[in-house]
Amino acid sequence: MRREIFVQHRILSAVTRVEFVSAGMSYIALRVRWCNIIVLNVPAPTKGKCGESKDRIYEELEHTFDHFPKYHMKILYGDFNATMGREDVFKPTIGNRSLLQESSNNYVRIINFVTS
């Protein structure tokens, strides 16, 4: 299997590390002027997948995140197949600007991960 990360030539000198964690998960670490940035690409847990399969993806995500230095800026990138609702419990984190009333299970998972 061939895996690639494309980087614009202007920022190539800022790349300090590229790692393919699993078949879908990868990250690139950058050293920029004022900080270090890690961009983590995560595979999408589709709506049709079972809860156990989604649990494995989030466990792998947590395990990978735990190994990053705390002081690095982290950007989580991916299509999480999540729909945002207007539940009161999420208002302090994301507000209530949604067209939908209820969040999907995938959305609850990603919010729980991000807030932890």
N, C-alpha and C. Protein backbone atom coordinates (compact mmCIF):
# COMPACT_ATOMS: atom_id res chain seq x y z
N MET A 1 0.84 -1.18 0.00
CA MET A 1 0.00 0.00 0.00
C MET A 1 0.89 1.24 0.00
N ARG A 2 0.61 2.14 -0.89
CA ARG A 2 1.39 3.37 -1.01
C ARG A 2 0.67 4.48 -0.24
N ARG A 3 1.40 5.13 0.66
CA ARG A 3 0.83 6.22 1.44
C ARG A 3 1.68 7.46 1.23
N GLU A 4 1.02 8.59 1.09
CA GLU A 4 1.73 9.83 0.82
C GLU A 4 1.11 10.98 1.58
N ILE A 5 1.93 11.96 1.87
CA ILE A 5 1.48 13.24 2.39
C ILE A 5 2.10 14.29 1.48
N PHE A 6 1.27 15.16 0.96
CA PHE A 6 1.75 16.20 0.07
C PHE A 6 1.95 17.49 0.85
N VAL A 7 3.11 18.12 0.63
CA VAL A 7 3.47 19.34 1.32
C VAL A 7 3.93 20.35 0.29
N GLN A 8 3.42 21.56 0.39
CA GLN A 8 3.84 22.62 -0.52
C GLN A 8 5.33 22.91 -0.31
N HIS A 9 6.04 23.14 -1.38
CA HIS A 9 7.49 23.32 -1.31
C HIS A 9 7.91 24.47 -0.40
N ARG A 10 7.07 25.49 -0.23
CA ARG A 10 7.42 26.64 0.62
C ARG A 10 7.53 26.26 2.10
N ILE A 11 6.82 25.22 2.54
CA ILE A 11 6.89 24.84 3.96
C ILE A 11 7.64 23.53 4.19
N LEU A 12 8.23 23.00 3.15
CA LEU A 12 8.95 21.73 3.27
C LEU A 12 10.06 21.80 4.31
N SER A 13 10.72 22.91 4.43
CA SER A 13 11.81 23.04 5.40
C SER A 13 11.29 23.04 6.84
N ALA A 14 10.00 23.29 7.06
CA ALA A 14 9.41 23.30 8.40
C ALA A 14 9.03 21.91 8.88
N VAL A 15 9.00 20.94 7.98
CA VAL A 15 8.60 19.57 8.35
C VAL A 15 9.70 18.93 9.18
N THR A 16 9.31 18.47 10.39
CA THR A 16 10.29 17.80 11.25
C THR A 16 10.02 16.30 11.35
N ARG A 17 8.78 15.89 11.07
CA ARG A 17 8.47 14.47 11.16
C ARG A 17 7.19 14.17 10.41
N VAL A 18 7.16 12.99 9.79
CA VAL A 18 5.96 12.46 9.15
C VAL A 18 5.83 11.02 9.62
N GLU A 19 4.65 10.66 10.08
CA GLU A 19 4.46 9.28 10.54
C GLU A 19 3.09 8.77 10.13
N PHE A 20 3.09 7.53 9.64
CA PHE A 20 1.86 6.83 9.30
C PHE A 20 1.57 5.87 10.45
N VAL A 21 0.62 6.23 11.30
CA VAL A 21 0.31 5.48 12.51
C VAL A 21 -0.38 4.17 12.18
N SER A 22 -1.31 4.21 11.24
CA SER A 22 -2.05 3.01 10.83
C SER A 22 -2.47 3.19 9.37
N ALA A 23 -3.34 2.30 8.91
CA ALA A 23 -3.77 2.35 7.51
C ALA A 23 -4.38 3.70 7.14
N GLY A 24 -5.09 4.33 8.05
CA GLY A 24 -5.72 5.60 7.73
C GLY A 24 -5.19 6.79 8.49
N MET A 25 -4.59 6.56 9.64
CA MET A 25 -4.17 7.66 10.50
C MET A 25 -2.71 8.01 10.26
N SER A 26 -2.46 9.32 10.11
CA SER A 26 -1.09 9.80 9.90
C SER A 26 -0.97 11.20 10.48
N TYR A 27 0.28 11.63 10.67
CA TYR A 27 0.47 13.01 11.11
C TYR A 27 1.76 13.56 10.56
N ILE A 28 1.80 14.89 10.55
CA ILE A 28 2.97 15.61 10.12
C ILE A 28 3.27 16.66 11.20
N ALA A 29 4.52 16.76 11.59
CA ALA A 29 4.95 17.73 12.59
C ALA A 29 5.72 18.84 11.89
N LEU A 30 5.40 20.07 12.27
CA LEU A 30 6.02 21.24 11.66
C LEU A 30 6.63 22.13 12.73
N ARG A 31 7.78 22.69 12.44
CA ARG A 31 8.40 23.68 13.32
C ARG A 31 8.27 25.01 12.61
N VAL A 32 7.43 25.88 13.17
CA VAL A 32 7.23 27.20 12.59
C VAL A 32 7.83 28.25 13.52
N ARG A 33 7.73 29.48 13.16
CA ARG A 33 8.44 30.54 13.87
C ARG A 33 8.22 30.53 15.38
N TRP A 34 6.99 30.48 15.85
CA TRP A 34 6.71 30.64 17.28
C TRP A 34 6.32 29.36 18.00
N CYS A 35 6.07 28.29 17.27
CA CYS A 35 5.61 27.07 17.94
C CYS A 35 5.81 25.85 17.05
N ASN A 36 5.51 24.70 17.61
CA ASN A 36 5.48 23.45 16.85
C ASN A 36 4.02 23.09 16.61
N ILE A 37 3.73 22.59 15.43
CA ILE A 37 2.37 22.23 15.06
C ILE A 37 2.35 20.77 14.62
N ILE A 38 1.36 20.04 15.10
CA ILE A 38 1.15 18.67 14.65
C ILE A 38 -0.22 18.61 13.99
N VAL A 39 -0.26 18.18 12.74
CA VAL A 39 -1.51 18.02 12.01
C VAL A 39 -1.77 16.52 11.90
N LEU A 40 -2.84 16.07 12.53
CA LEU A 40 -3.18 14.66 12.60
C LEU A 40 -4.37 14.38 11.70
N ASN A 41 -4.19 13.49 10.74
CA ASN A 41 -5.25 13.08 9.82
C ASN A 41 -5.85 11.77 10.32
N VAL A 42 -7.16 11.74 10.48
CA VAL A 42 -7.84 10.60 11.08
C VAL A 42 -8.86 10.02 10.10
N PRO A 43 -8.94 8.67 10.00
CA PRO A 43 -9.94 8.06 9.14
C PRO A 43 -11.34 8.28 9.69
N ALA A 44 -12.31 8.30 8.82
CA ALA A 44 -13.69 8.55 9.22
C ALA A 44 -14.37 7.29 9.73
N PRO A 45 -14.93 7.35 10.94
CA PRO A 45 -15.77 6.23 11.41
C PRO A 45 -17.16 6.41 10.82
N THR A 46 -17.49 5.69 9.78
CA THR A 46 -18.75 5.89 9.09
C THR A 46 -19.94 5.54 9.98
N LYS A 47 -21.10 6.08 9.61
CA LYS A 47 -22.31 5.87 10.40
C LYS A 47 -22.69 4.40 10.47
N GLY A 48 -22.38 3.64 9.44
CA GLY A 48 -22.77 2.24 9.39
C GLY A 48 -21.89 1.30 10.20
N LYS A 49 -20.71 1.77 10.61
CA LYS A 49 -19.80 0.90 11.37
C LYS A 49 -20.36 0.63 12.76
N CYS A 50 -19.99 -0.52 13.28
CA CYS A 50 -20.44 -0.89 14.63
C CYS A 50 -19.69 -0.06 15.67
N GLY A 51 -20.24 0.01 16.87
CA GLY A 51 -19.64 0.79 17.95
C GLY A 51 -18.25 0.32 18.31
N GLU A 52 -18.02 -0.99 18.22
CA GLU A 52 -16.71 -1.54 18.55
C GLU A 52 -15.63 -1.04 17.60
N SER A 53 -15.96 -0.97 16.33
CA SER A 53 -15.03 -0.48 15.33
C SER A 53 -14.71 1.00 15.57
N LYS A 54 -15.73 1.78 15.92
CA LYS A 54 -15.52 3.20 16.23
C LYS A 54 -14.69 3.35 17.49
N ASP A 55 -14.94 2.50 18.47
CA ASP A 55 -14.16 2.54 19.71
C ASP A 55 -12.68 2.34 19.43
N ARG A 56 -12.35 1.40 18.53
CA ARG A 56 -10.95 1.14 18.20
C ARG A 56 -10.30 2.37 17.57
N ILE A 57 -11.03 3.05 16.69
CA ILE A 57 -10.48 4.24 16.04
C ILE A 57 -10.19 5.31 17.09
N TYR A 58 -11.12 5.53 18.02
CA TYR A 58 -10.92 6.56 19.04
C TYR A 58 -9.85 6.15 20.07
N GLU A 59 -9.73 4.87 20.35
CA GLU A 59 -8.65 4.41 21.23
C GLU A 59 -7.30 4.67 20.59
N GLU A 60 -7.20 4.37 19.30
CA GLU A 60 -5.96 4.62 18.58
C GLU A 60 -5.66 6.13 18.53
N LEU A 61 -6.69 6.93 18.33
CA LEU A 61 -6.54 8.38 18.32
C LEU A 61 -6.03 8.88 19.67
N GLU A 62 -6.63 8.42 20.75
CA GLU A 62 -6.19 8.82 22.10
C GLU A 62 -4.76 8.38 22.37
N HIS A 63 -4.43 7.15 21.99
CA HIS A 63 -3.08 6.63 22.19
C HIS A 63 -2.06 7.49 21.44
N THR A 64 -2.37 7.83 20.20
CA THR A 64 -1.47 8.66 19.40
C THR A 64 -1.34 10.05 20.01
N PHE A 65 -2.47 10.65 20.39
CA PHE A 65 -2.47 11.99 20.97
C PHE A 65 -1.67 12.04 22.27
N ASP A 66 -1.75 10.99 23.07
CA ASP A 66 -1.04 10.95 24.35
C ASP A 66 0.48 10.99 24.18
N HIS A 67 0.98 10.60 23.01
CA HIS A 67 2.42 10.59 22.78
C HIS A 67 2.95 11.92 22.24
N PHE A 68 2.07 12.85 21.93
CA PHE A 68 2.50 14.16 21.46
C PHE A 68 2.90 15.03 22.65
N PRO A 69 3.91 15.87 22.49
CA PRO A 69 4.25 16.81 23.57
C PRO A 69 3.07 17.73 23.87
N LYS A 70 2.86 18.03 25.12
CA LYS A 70 1.71 18.84 25.54
C LYS A 70 1.77 20.27 24.99
N TYR A 71 2.95 20.81 24.82
CA TYR A 71 3.08 22.20 24.41
C TYR A 71 2.94 22.42 22.90
N HIS A 72 2.86 21.38 22.11
CA HIS A 72 2.67 21.53 20.67
C HIS A 72 1.21 21.88 20.36
N MET A 73 1.02 22.73 19.35
CA MET A 73 -0.32 22.99 18.86
C MET A 73 -0.75 21.77 18.05
N LYS A 74 -1.97 21.30 18.29
CA LYS A 74 -2.45 20.11 17.60
C LYS A 74 -3.68 20.44 16.78
N ILE A 75 -3.66 20.03 15.52
CA ILE A 75 -4.80 20.22 14.63
C ILE A 75 -5.29 18.84 14.22
N LEU A 76 -6.54 18.58 14.51
CA LEU A 76 -7.17 17.31 14.19
C LEU A 76 -7.93 17.48 12.89
N TYR A 77 -7.60 16.66 11.91
CA TYR A 77 -8.15 16.81 10.57
C TYR A 77 -8.78 15.50 10.14
N GLY A 78 -10.00 15.57 9.64
CA GLY A 78 -10.64 14.37 9.14
C GLY A 78 -12.14 14.57 8.97
N ASP A 79 -12.74 13.70 8.24
CA ASP A 79 -14.19 13.71 8.09
C ASP A 79 -14.72 12.69 9.09
N PHE A 80 -15.34 13.16 10.14
CA PHE A 80 -15.79 12.27 11.20
C PHE A 80 -17.22 11.80 11.02
N ASN A 81 -17.83 12.13 9.87
CA ASN A 81 -19.21 11.74 9.60
C ASN A 81 -20.10 12.05 10.80
N ALA A 82 -19.98 13.27 11.28
CA ALA A 82 -20.69 13.69 12.48
C ALA A 82 -21.65 14.83 12.15
N THR A 83 -22.85 14.77 12.70
CA THR A 83 -23.79 15.86 12.55
C THR A 83 -24.03 16.50 13.91
N MET A 84 -23.99 17.83 13.93
CA MET A 84 -24.09 18.59 15.18
C MET A 84 -25.53 19.00 15.44
N GLY A 85 -25.96 18.79 16.66
CA GLY A 85 -27.29 19.21 17.07
C GLY A 85 -27.22 20.38 18.04
N ARG A 86 -28.33 20.64 18.73
CA ARG A 86 -28.41 21.79 19.65
C ARG A 86 -28.64 21.37 21.09
N GLU A 87 -28.07 20.25 21.52
CA GLU A 87 -28.26 19.80 22.89
C GLU A 87 -27.63 20.79 23.87
N ASP A 88 -28.29 21.01 24.99
CA ASP A 88 -27.80 21.95 26.00
C ASP A 88 -26.42 21.58 26.53
N VAL A 89 -26.14 20.30 26.63
CA VAL A 89 -24.88 19.85 27.20
C VAL A 89 -23.67 20.32 26.38
N PHE A 90 -23.86 20.55 25.08
CA PHE A 90 -22.74 20.96 24.22
C PHE A 90 -22.62 22.47 24.07
N LYS A 91 -23.59 23.25 24.52
CA LYS A 91 -23.57 24.71 24.32
C LYS A 91 -22.31 25.39 24.82
N PRO A 92 -21.77 25.05 26.00
CA PRO A 92 -20.54 25.72 26.44
C PRO A 92 -19.34 25.47 25.51
N THR A 93 -19.36 24.35 24.83
CA THR A 93 -18.23 23.99 23.97
C THR A 93 -18.39 24.50 22.55
N ILE A 94 -19.58 24.34 21.97
CA ILE A 94 -19.76 24.63 20.55
C ILE A 94 -20.87 25.63 20.24
N GLY A 95 -21.62 26.05 21.24
CA GLY A 95 -22.72 26.96 20.99
C GLY A 95 -23.97 26.21 20.54
N ASN A 96 -24.92 26.91 19.96
CA ASN A 96 -26.15 26.25 19.52
C ASN A 96 -26.52 26.64 18.09
N ARG A 97 -25.54 26.85 17.27
CA ARG A 97 -25.77 27.25 15.88
C ARG A 97 -25.82 26.03 14.98
N SER A 98 -26.91 25.31 15.01
CA SER A 98 -27.07 24.13 14.17
C SER A 98 -28.48 24.08 13.62
N LEU A 99 -28.62 23.50 12.45
CA LEU A 99 -29.94 23.33 11.86
C LEU A 99 -30.64 22.10 12.43
N LEU A 100 -29.88 21.19 13.01
CA LEU A 100 -30.45 19.94 13.50
C LEU A 100 -30.72 20.02 15.00
N GLN A 101 -31.67 19.24 15.47
CA GLN A 101 -32.00 19.21 16.89
C GLN A 101 -31.09 18.27 17.67
N GLU A 102 -30.74 17.13 17.08
CA GLU A 102 -29.95 16.12 17.79
C GLU A 102 -28.64 15.82 17.08
N SER A 103 -27.61 15.59 17.88
CA SER A 103 -26.30 15.23 17.35
C SER A 103 -26.24 13.74 17.07
N SER A 104 -25.40 13.37 16.10
CA SER A 104 -25.19 11.96 15.81
C SER A 104 -24.26 11.35 16.85
N ASN A 105 -24.23 10.03 16.90
CA ASN A 105 -23.34 9.31 17.81
C ASN A 105 -21.88 9.66 17.52
N ASN A 106 -21.54 9.80 16.24
CA ASN A 106 -20.16 10.16 15.87
C ASN A 106 -19.80 11.54 16.41
N TYR A 107 -20.77 12.46 16.42
CA TYR A 107 -20.49 13.80 16.92
C TYR A 107 -20.24 13.77 18.43
N VAL A 108 -21.03 13.01 19.13
CA VAL A 108 -20.85 12.89 20.58
C VAL A 108 -19.46 12.34 20.88
N ARG A 109 -19.02 11.35 20.10
CA ARG A 109 -17.69 10.77 20.29
C ARG A 109 -16.58 11.80 20.08
N ILE A 110 -16.67 12.58 19.00
CA ILE A 110 -15.60 13.54 18.71
C ILE A 110 -15.60 14.67 19.74
N ILE A 111 -16.75 15.14 20.17
CA ILE A 111 -16.81 16.19 21.19
C ILE A 111 -16.24 15.69 22.50
N ASN A 112 -16.57 14.46 22.88
CA ASN A 112 -16.02 13.88 24.11
C ASN A 112 -14.50 13.78 24.04
N PHE A 113 -13.99 13.39 22.88
CA PHE A 113 -12.53 13.30 22.73
C PHE A 113 -11.89 14.69 22.83
N VAL A 114 -12.42 15.65 22.11
CA VAL A 114 -11.83 16.99 22.08
C VAL A 114 -11.89 17.66 23.45
N THR A 115 -12.98 17.51 24.16
CA THR A 115 -13.09 18.18 25.46
C THR A 115 -12.27 17.48 26.54
N SER A 116 -11.93 16.21 26.31
CA SER A 116 -11.10 15.52 27.32
C SER A 116 -9.66 15.94 27.18
